[in-house]
Structure formats: structure tokens, C-alpha cells
C-alpha atoms as a PDB file:
ATOM      1  CA  MET A   1      10.382 -34.998   0.936  1.00  0.00           C
ATOM      2  CA  ASN A   2      12.013 -37.735  -1.108  1.00  0.00           C
ATOM      3  CA  GLU A   3      14.497 -36.787  -3.825  1.00  0.00           C
ATOM      4  CA  GLY A   4      12.227 -37.872  -6.673  1.00  0.00           C
ATOM      5  CA  ALA A   5       9.439 -35.638  -5.433  1.00  0.00           C
ATOM      6  CA  ARG A   6      11.855 -32.736  -4.995  1.00  0.00           C
ATOM      7  CA  ARG A   7      12.997 -33.012  -8.614  1.00  0.00           C
ATOM      8  CA  PHE A   8       9.441 -33.461  -9.852  1.00  0.00           C
ATOM      9  CA  PHE A   9       8.168 -30.285  -8.192  1.00  0.00           C
ATOM     10  CA  ALA A  10      11.175 -28.325  -9.415  1.00  0.00           C
ATOM     11  CA  GLN A  11       9.636 -28.589 -12.897  1.00  0.00           C
ATOM     12  CA  PRO A  12       7.355 -25.925 -14.365  1.00  0.00           C
ATOM     13  CA  CYS A  13       3.658 -25.944 -13.558  1.00  0.00           C
ATOM     14  CA  THR A  14       1.625 -24.008 -16.103  1.00  0.00           C
ATOM     15  CA  PHE A  15      -1.949 -22.894 -16.662  1.00  0.00           C
ATOM     16  CA  LEU A  16      -3.844 -24.913 -19.280  1.00  0.00           C
ATOM     17  CA  ILE A  17      -7.497 -23.891 -19.487  1.00  0.00           C
ATOM     18  CA  ALA A  18     -10.404 -22.594 -17.422  1.00  0.00           C
ATOM     19  CA  ALA A  19     -13.378 -24.832 -18.218  1.00  0.00           C
ATOM     20  CA  ALA A  20     -16.899 -23.527 -17.755  1.00  0.00           C
ATOM     21  CA  GLN A  21     -18.739 -26.422 -19.417  1.00  0.00           C
ATOM     22  CA  PRO A  22     -18.002 -30.069 -20.302  1.00  0.00           C
ATOM     23  CA  GLU A  23     -17.144 -29.315 -23.936  1.00  0.00           C
ATOM     24  CA  HIS A  24     -14.132 -27.322 -22.758  1.00  0.00           C
ATOM     25  CA  PHE A  25     -12.503 -30.527 -21.507  1.00  0.00           C
ATOM     26  CA  ASP A  26     -11.825 -31.419 -25.157  1.00  0.00           C
ATOM     27  CA  ALA A  27      -9.136 -28.707 -25.201  1.00  0.00           C
ATOM     28  CA  LEU A  28      -7.037 -30.611 -22.653  1.00  0.00           C
ATOM     29  CA  GLU A  29      -4.215 -31.945 -24.784  1.00  0.00           C
ATOM     30  CA  VAL A  30      -2.093 -33.236 -21.888  1.00  0.00           C
ATOM     31  CA  GLU A  31      -3.125 -36.717 -20.820  1.00  0.00           C
ATOM     32  CA  GLY A  32      -2.224 -38.119 -17.465  1.00  0.00           C
ATOM     33  CA  PRO A  33      -3.564 -38.664 -13.968  1.00  0.00           C
ATOM     34  CA  GLU A  34      -5.706 -35.779 -12.713  1.00  0.00           C
ATOM     35  CA  ILE A  35      -5.806 -34.523  -9.155  1.00  0.00           C
ATOM     36  CA  ALA A  36      -8.659 -32.235  -8.143  1.00  0.00           C
ATOM     37  CA  PHE A  37      -8.423 -29.680  -5.339  1.00  0.00           C
ATOM     38  CA  TRP A  38     -11.815 -29.073  -3.710  1.00  0.00           C
ATOM     39  CA  GLY A  39     -13.196 -27.604  -0.511  1.00  0.00           C
ATOM     40  CA  ARG A  40     -15.336 -24.917   1.048  1.00  0.00           C
ATOM     41  CA  SER A  41     -14.972 -21.354  -0.164  1.00  0.00           C
ATOM     42  CA  ASN A  42     -12.028 -19.636   1.559  1.00  0.00           C
ATOM     43  CA  VAL A  43     -10.517 -22.938   2.708  1.00  0.00           C
ATOM     44  CA  GLY A  44      -7.195 -21.984   1.122  1.00  0.00           C
ATOM     45  CA  LYS A  45      -7.175 -23.927  -2.156  1.00  0.00           C
ATOM     46  CA  SER A  46      -5.233 -21.321  -4.104  1.00  0.00           C
ATOM     47  CA  SER A  47      -2.669 -20.915  -1.328  1.00  0.00           C
ATOM     48  CA  LEU A  48      -2.125 -24.672  -1.129  1.00  0.00           C
ATOM     49  CA  ILE A  49      -1.776 -25.100  -4.908  1.00  0.00           C
ATOM     50  CA  ASN A  50       0.755 -22.267  -5.021  1.00  0.00           C
ATOM     51  CA  ALA A  51       2.697 -23.711  -2.087  1.00  0.00           C
ATOM     52  CA  VAL A  52       2.750 -27.252  -3.495  1.00  0.00           C
ATOM     53  CA  THR A  53       3.836 -26.160  -6.970  1.00  0.00           C
ATOM     54  CA  GLY A  54       6.232 -23.515  -5.647  1.00  0.00           C
ATOM     55  CA  ARG A  55       4.693 -21.024  -8.078  1.00  0.00           C
ATOM     56  CA  LYS A  56       3.485 -17.954  -6.216  1.00  0.00           C
ATOM     57  CA  GLY A  57       0.437 -16.499  -7.946  1.00  0.00           C
ATOM     58  CA  LEU A  58      -0.237 -19.541 -10.163  1.00  0.00           C
ATOM     59  CA  ALA A  59      -3.683 -20.101  -8.663  1.00  0.00           C
ATOM     60  CA  ARG A  60      -5.628 -16.974  -7.829  1.00  0.00           C
ATOM     61  CA  ALA A  61      -8.310 -16.630  -5.214  1.00  0.00           C
ATOM     62  CA  SER A  62     -11.423 -14.571  -5.768  1.00  0.00           C
ATOM     63  CA  ASN A  63     -12.008 -11.693  -3.368  1.00  0.00           C
ATOM     64  CA  THR A  64     -15.655 -12.747  -3.104  1.00  0.00           C
ATOM     65  CA  PRO A  65     -16.338 -16.251  -1.733  1.00  0.00           C
ATOM     66  CA  GLY A  66     -18.081 -18.486  -4.238  1.00  0.00           C
ATOM     67  CA  ARG A  67     -17.443 -16.279  -7.266  1.00  0.00           C
ATOM     68  CA  THR A  68     -15.116 -18.724  -9.061  1.00  0.00           C
ATOM     69  CA  GLN A  69     -17.313 -20.583 -11.540  1.00  0.00           C
ATOM     70  CA  GLN A  70     -14.743 -22.450 -13.623  1.00  0.00           C
ATOM     71  CA  ILE A  71     -12.583 -25.523 -13.211  1.00  0.00           C
ATOM     72  CA  VAL A  72      -9.031 -24.329 -13.755  1.00  0.00           C
ATOM     73  CA  PHE A  73      -6.494 -26.872 -15.021  1.00  0.00           C
ATOM     74  CA  PHE A  74      -2.724 -26.766 -14.539  1.00  0.00           C
ATOM     75  CA  ASN A  75      -0.042 -28.954 -16.120  1.00  0.00           C
ATOM     76  CA  MET A  76       2.494 -30.225 -13.588  1.00  0.00           C
ATOM     77  CA  GLY A  77       5.616 -31.400 -15.393  1.00  0.00           C
ATOM     78  CA  ASP A  78       3.624 -33.145 -18.152  1.00  0.00           C
ATOM     79  CA  ARG A  79       2.937 -35.904 -15.605  1.00  0.00           C
ATOM     80  CA  LEU A  80      -0.040 -34.642 -13.622  1.00  0.00           C
ATOM     81  CA  LEU A  81      -3.004 -32.398 -14.262  1.00  0.00           C
ATOM     82  CA  PHE A  82      -4.237 -30.328 -11.342  1.00  0.00           C
ATOM     83  CA  ALA A  83      -7.887 -29.243 -11.392  1.00  0.00           C
ATOM     84  CA  ASP A  84      -8.834 -26.326  -9.146  1.00  0.00           C
ATOM     85  CA  LEU A  85     -12.583 -26.751  -8.515  1.00  0.00           C
ATOM     86  CA  PRO A  86     -14.903 -23.926  -7.428  1.00  0.00           C
ATOM     87  CA  GLY A  87     -15.395 -23.817  -3.681  1.00  0.00           C
ATOM     88  CA  TYR A  88     -18.689 -24.786  -2.092  1.00  0.00           C
ATOM     89  CA  GLY A  89     -20.706 -23.438   0.811  1.00  0.00           C
ATOM     90  CA  HIS A  90     -20.678 -19.643   0.497  1.00  0.00           C
ATOM     91  CA  ALA A  91     -21.573 -18.782  -3.092  1.00  0.00           C
ATOM     92  CA  LYS A  92     -23.105 -15.332  -3.433  1.00  0.00           C
ATOM     93  CA  ALA A  93     -25.153 -15.990  -6.545  1.00  0.00           C
ATOM     94  CA  PRO A  94     -28.719 -16.858  -7.600  1.00  0.00           C
ATOM     95  CA  LYS A  95     -29.778 -20.386  -6.689  1.00  0.00           C
ATOM     96  CA  GLU A  96     -30.145 -21.292 -10.362  1.00  0.00           C
ATOM     97  CA  GLU A  97     -26.505 -20.432 -11.012  1.00  0.00           C
ATOM     98  CA  ILE A  98     -25.331 -22.312  -7.925  1.00  0.00           C
ATOM     99  CA  HIS A  99     -27.281 -25.358  -9.102  1.00  0.00           C
ATOM    100  CA  LYS A 100     -25.608 -25.082 -12.529  1.00  0.00           C
ATOM    101  CA  TRP A 101     -22.108 -24.891 -10.984  1.00  0.00           C
ATOM    102  CA  ASN A 102     -22.811 -27.859  -8.731  1.00  0.00           C
ATOM    103  CA  ALA A 103     -24.096 -29.922 -11.655  1.00  0.00           C
ATOM    104  CA  PHE A 104     -20.943 -29.104 -13.627  1.00  0.00           C
ATOM    105  CA  ILE A 105     -18.650 -30.088 -10.766  1.00  0.00           C
ATOM    106  CA  ARG A 106     -20.523 -33.319 -10.173  1.00  0.00           C
ATOM    107  CA  TYR A 107     -20.322 -34.099 -13.891  1.00  0.00           C
ATOM    108  CA  TYR A 108     -16.572 -33.591 -13.751  1.00  0.00           C
ATOM    109  CA  LEU A 109     -16.127 -35.787 -10.679  1.00  0.00           C
ATOM    110  CA  LYS A 110     -18.204 -38.634 -12.123  1.00  0.00           C
ATOM    111  CA  LYS A 111     -17.162 -38.514 -15.782  1.00  0.00           C
ATOM    112  CA  ARG A 112     -13.466 -37.563 -16.007  1.00  0.00           C
ATOM    113  CA  PRO A 113     -11.715 -40.857 -16.873  1.00  0.00           C
ATOM    114  CA  HIS A 114      -8.271 -39.722 -15.688  1.00  0.00           C
ATOM    115  CA  LEU A 115      -9.354 -38.377 -12.288  1.00  0.00           C
ATOM    116  CA  ARG A 116      -7.156 -40.269  -9.850  1.00  0.00           C
ATOM    117  CA  CYS A 117      -7.917 -38.564  -6.549  1.00  0.00           C
ATOM    118  CA  VAL A 118      -9.592 -35.512  -5.015  1.00  0.00           C
ATOM    119  CA  LEU A 119      -7.672 -33.568  -2.416  1.00  0.00           C
ATOM    120  CA  LEU A 120     -10.548 -32.504  -0.193  1.00  0.00           C
ATOM    121  CA  LEU A 121      -9.417 -29.443   1.723  1.00  0.00           C
ATOM    122  CA  ILE A 122     -10.864 -28.964   5.205  1.00  0.00           C
ATOM    123  CA  ASP A 123     -10.322 -25.859   7.333  1.00  0.00           C
ATOM    124  CA  GLY A 124      -8.259 -27.061  10.286  1.00  0.00           C
ATOM    125  CA  ARG A 125      -9.788 -24.417  12.551  1.00  0.00           C
ATOM    126  CA  HIS A 126     -13.255 -25.965  12.234  1.00  0.00           C
ATOM    127  CA  GLY A 127     -12.834 -29.583  11.161  1.00  0.00           C
ATOM    128  CA  LEU A 128     -15.451 -31.411   9.102  1.00  0.00           C
ATOM    129  CA  MET A 129     -18.695 -29.469   8.749  1.00  0.00           C
ATOM    130  CA  VAL A 130     -22.133 -30.421   7.429  1.00  0.00           C
ATOM    131  CA  LYS A 131     -21.396 -29.294   3.868  1.00  0.00           C
ATOM    132  CA  ASP A 132     -18.120 -31.249   3.862  1.00  0.00           C
ATOM    133  CA  HIS A 133     -19.949 -34.419   4.864  1.00  0.00           C
ATOM    134  CA  GLU A 134     -22.465 -33.841   2.061  1.00  0.00           C
ATOM    135  CA  MET A 135     -19.689 -33.615  -0.533  1.00  0.00           C
ATOM    136  CA  MET A 136     -17.963 -36.656   0.957  1.00  0.00           C
ATOM    137  CA  ALA A 137     -21.199 -38.651   0.807  1.00  0.00           C
ATOM    138  CA  PHE A 138     -21.527 -37.736  -2.880  1.00  0.00           C
ATOM    139  CA  MET A 139     -17.992 -38.959  -3.601  1.00  0.00           C
ATOM    140  CA  ASP A 140     -18.662 -42.119  -1.591  1.00  0.00           C
ATOM    141  CA  ARG A 141     -21.690 -42.878  -3.774  1.00  0.00           C
ATOM    142  CA  ALA A 142     -19.774 -42.070  -6.958  1.00  0.00           C
ATOM    143  CA  ALA A 143     -16.747 -44.122  -5.813  1.00  0.00           C
ATOM    144  CA  VAL A 144     -14.430 -41.114  -6.222  1.00  0.00           C
ATOM    145  CA  ASN A 145     -11.293 -41.611  -4.160  1.00  0.00           C
ATOM    146  CA  TYR A 146     -10.371 -38.651  -1.941  1.00  0.00           C
ATOM    147  CA  GLN A 147      -7.642 -37.584   0.452  1.00  0.00           C
ATOM    148  CA  VAL A 148      -8.466 -35.130   3.238  1.00  0.00           C
ATOM    149  CA  VAL A 149      -5.943 -32.308   3.546  1.00  0.00           C
ATOM    150  CA  MET A 150      -6.464 -29.939   6.453  1.00  0.00           C
ATOM    151  CA  THR A 151      -5.434 -26.324   5.960  1.00  0.00           C
ATOM    152  CA  LYS A 152      -4.524 -23.422   8.240  1.00  0.00           C
ATOM    153  CA  ALA A 153      -2.816 -25.624  10.832  1.00  0.00           C
ATOM    154  CA  ASP A 154      -1.073 -22.553  12.228  1.00  0.00           C
ATOM    155  CA  GLN A 155      -4.451 -21.062  13.182  1.00  0.00           C
ATOM    156  CA  ILE A 156      -5.905 -23.990  15.136  1.00  0.00           C
ATOM    157  CA  ARG A 157      -7.142 -22.876  18.542  1.00  0.00           C
ATOM    158  CA  GLY A 158      -4.976 -24.221  21.322  1.00  0.00           C
ATOM    159  CA  GLY A 159      -2.294 -25.192  18.832  1.00  0.00           C
ATOM    160  CA  ASP A 160      -3.106 -28.913  18.942  1.00  0.00           C
ATOM    161  CA  PRO A 161      -3.333 -30.233  15.363  1.00  0.00           C
ATOM    162  CA  ALA A 162      -2.949 -33.826  16.583  1.00  0.00           C
ATOM    163  CA  ALA A 163      -6.333 -33.736  18.312  1.00  0.00           C
ATOM    164  CA  MET A 164      -8.019 -32.384  15.190  1.00  0.00           C
ATOM    165  CA  ILE A 165      -6.330 -35.053  13.051  1.00  0.00           C
ATOM    166  CA  ALA A 166      -7.459 -37.852  15.392  1.00  0.00           C
ATOM    167  CA  GLN A 167     -11.022 -36.532  15.494  1.00  0.00           C
ATOM    168  CA  THR A 168     -11.182 -36.236  11.705  1.00  0.00           C
ATOM    169  CA  GLU A 169      -9.654 -39.649  11.022  1.00  0.00           C
ATOM    170  CA  GLU A 170     -12.272 -41.193  13.296  1.00  0.00           C
ATOM    171  CA  GLN A 171     -15.020 -39.597  11.181  1.00  0.00           C
ATOM    172  CA  LEU A 172     -13.364 -40.777   7.951  1.00  0.00           C
ATOM    173  CA  LYS A 173     -14.068 -44.372   8.969  1.00  0.00           C
ATOM    174  CA  LYS A 174     -17.694 -43.740   7.995  1.00  0.00           C
ATOM    175  CA  HIS A 175     -16.753 -42.744   4.436  1.00  0.00           C
ATOM    176  CA  PRO A 176     -15.739 -45.670   2.203  1.00  0.00           C
ATOM    177  CA  ALA A 177     -14.154 -43.594  -0.585  1.00  0.00           C
ATOM    178  CA  ALA A 178     -11.940 -41.614   1.804  1.00  0.00           C
ATOM    179  CA  ARG A 179      -8.319 -42.453   2.406  1.00  0.00           C
ATOM    180  CA  PRO A 180      -7.925 -43.230   6.114  1.00  0.00           C
ATOM    181  CA  THR A 181      -5.334 -40.634   7.092  1.00  0.00           C
ATOM    182  CA  VAL A 182      -5.266 -36.843   7.172  1.00  0.00           C
ATOM    183  CA  ILE A 183      -2.480 -34.566   5.926  1.00  0.00           C
ATOM    184  CA  MET A 184      -2.237 -31.405   8.044  1.00  0.00           C
ATOM    185  CA  THR A 185      -0.886 -28.314   6.284  1.00  0.00           C
ATOM    186  CA  SER A 186      -0.214 -24.631   6.612  1.00  0.00           C
ATOM    187  CA  ALA A 187       0.560 -22.917   3.324  1.00  0.00           C
ATOM    188  CA  GLU A 188       1.627 -19.841   5.288  1.00  0.00           C
ATOM    189  CA  LYS A 189       4.219 -21.725   7.366  1.00  0.00           C
ATOM    190  CA  GLY A 190       5.088 -24.462   4.873  1.00  0.00           C
ATOM    191  CA  GLN A 191       3.863 -27.175   7.221  1.00  0.00           C
ATOM    192  CA  GLY A 192       2.833 -30.422   5.534  1.00  0.00           C
ATOM    193  CA  ILE A 193       3.675 -29.226   2.019  1.00  0.00           C
ATOM    194  CA  GLU A 194       6.369 -31.876   1.582  1.00  0.00           C
ATOM    195  CA  ALA A 195       3.895 -34.563   2.670  1.00  0.00           C
ATOM    196  CA  VAL A 196       1.411 -33.392   0.029  1.00  0.00           C
ATOM    197  CA  ARG A 197       4.155 -33.372  -2.597  1.00  0.00           C
ATOM    198  CA  ASP A 198       5.237 -36.904  -1.689  1.00  0.00           C
ATOM    199  CA  PHE A 199       1.629 -38.078  -1.942  1.00  0.00           C
ATOM    200  CA  LEU A 200       1.136 -36.462  -5.346  1.00  0.00           C
ATOM    201  CA  PHE A 201       4.473 -37.742  -6.641  1.00  0.00           C
ATOM    202  CA  GLU A 202       3.428 -41.308  -5.835  1.00  0.00           C
ATOM    203  CA  LEU A 203       0.228 -40.800  -7.822  1.00  0.00           C
ATOM    204  CA  ALA A 204       2.269 -39.429 -10.740  1.00  0.00           C
ATOM    205  CA  LYS A 205       4.484 -42.509 -10.689  1.00  0.00           C
ATOM    206  CA  ILE A 206       1.496 -44.841 -10.672  1.00  0.00           C
ATOM    207  CA  GLY A 207       0.000 -42.957 -13.605  1.00  0.00           C
END
């Protein structure tokens, strides 16, 4: 990790708001580039956010997959906003509610003027799945830039993350809004966290 990124992530990262509808975005008083964390339910979003910010317990996971219905915003050093989006794929809720959540998330992705990039989290044990490709196709159509970050590298069968990275990067060639490379991480072991921090720090500097 470069020295600038180290100093940047030594700063406080604090909770701002939990937005359940578009009007709640008006309460965001901090302006700056936004980075959204998104992925399937149980992909490890909360663990990654906590590892990247160095704030254990900042982001909290629900015990029931798909129960988180809000977009939770965090202020990183008054330079970046992090948006923790509800997970997709395993929501245990009526279809009408799921449709409402999805519409809200899609509104956010298409309408937030400061959204700089989505960190799309993919479970490294399974690679890209059908639902992931559906979300990627949506972001391709909406021209929303995204960076694939694979999680749970320490749990990959056979212990060969390089093969999973190569396979995934080959599939990313079909998605025009995707950045071409994959960042492999393990929040549990600390693997790849510095690479994510360096990436985010560069976005903060650009903003």
C-alpha cells in the first residue's frame, strides 16, 4: 500500500445515514465521489468494508440473507462516501418487497451524480453466477463503471486463486462497463485489502 493510501485510511470512517427511499439522499451533507459496495447476499460486503476502513463493526451484516433493505452511507475522511447496498439473490421477502428494493437500488445506480464506481463483490469460491451477470448487464446498459472484487480467497477449493482470476477476467471482456482486472481478497486473512485501499485512494484523489 502506498504511503498516501495508508494515511488516508488511518482517518476516521463514520456512519452517515441509512436511506430507504430516494428522498433520504437529501440528508447527505458530505459531497464527494461515491463508491458503492454491491454483491450477492452473504458475499462478505460488511467484512470487506470493515477490513478496508480498519473499523471493526462499522458495517453490520444481517443474520438473515436479503433482510437488509437500506443503502447505508459512510463518510471516509471527508473525501469519499461509501454506499453499502443491499445484497441480491437470496432475499427472504414477498416478491413485491423485493421488486421495491431492486427498483430503489437501480434508481440509486442510475441517478446518483457522484457515483464514481461500484465495487462488485463476487464470491471467490463460486466465481461469476447467473445473478451476477444480470446485475453486470444492467450496469453495462446504464454505463455504471464497476470493479470486480472477489472475496473469500482463503476458501477457494484447491487454493488456486490465479485460475479463478484468469477465468473471471476472461468473462469481463464481454462487459463494457467493467474494469478489466480482478482484485482478489480475503477479509479474514487480510489478503488484497491493501490493493483495494490503493484503488479507492486513487479514486479519492481524482475526485
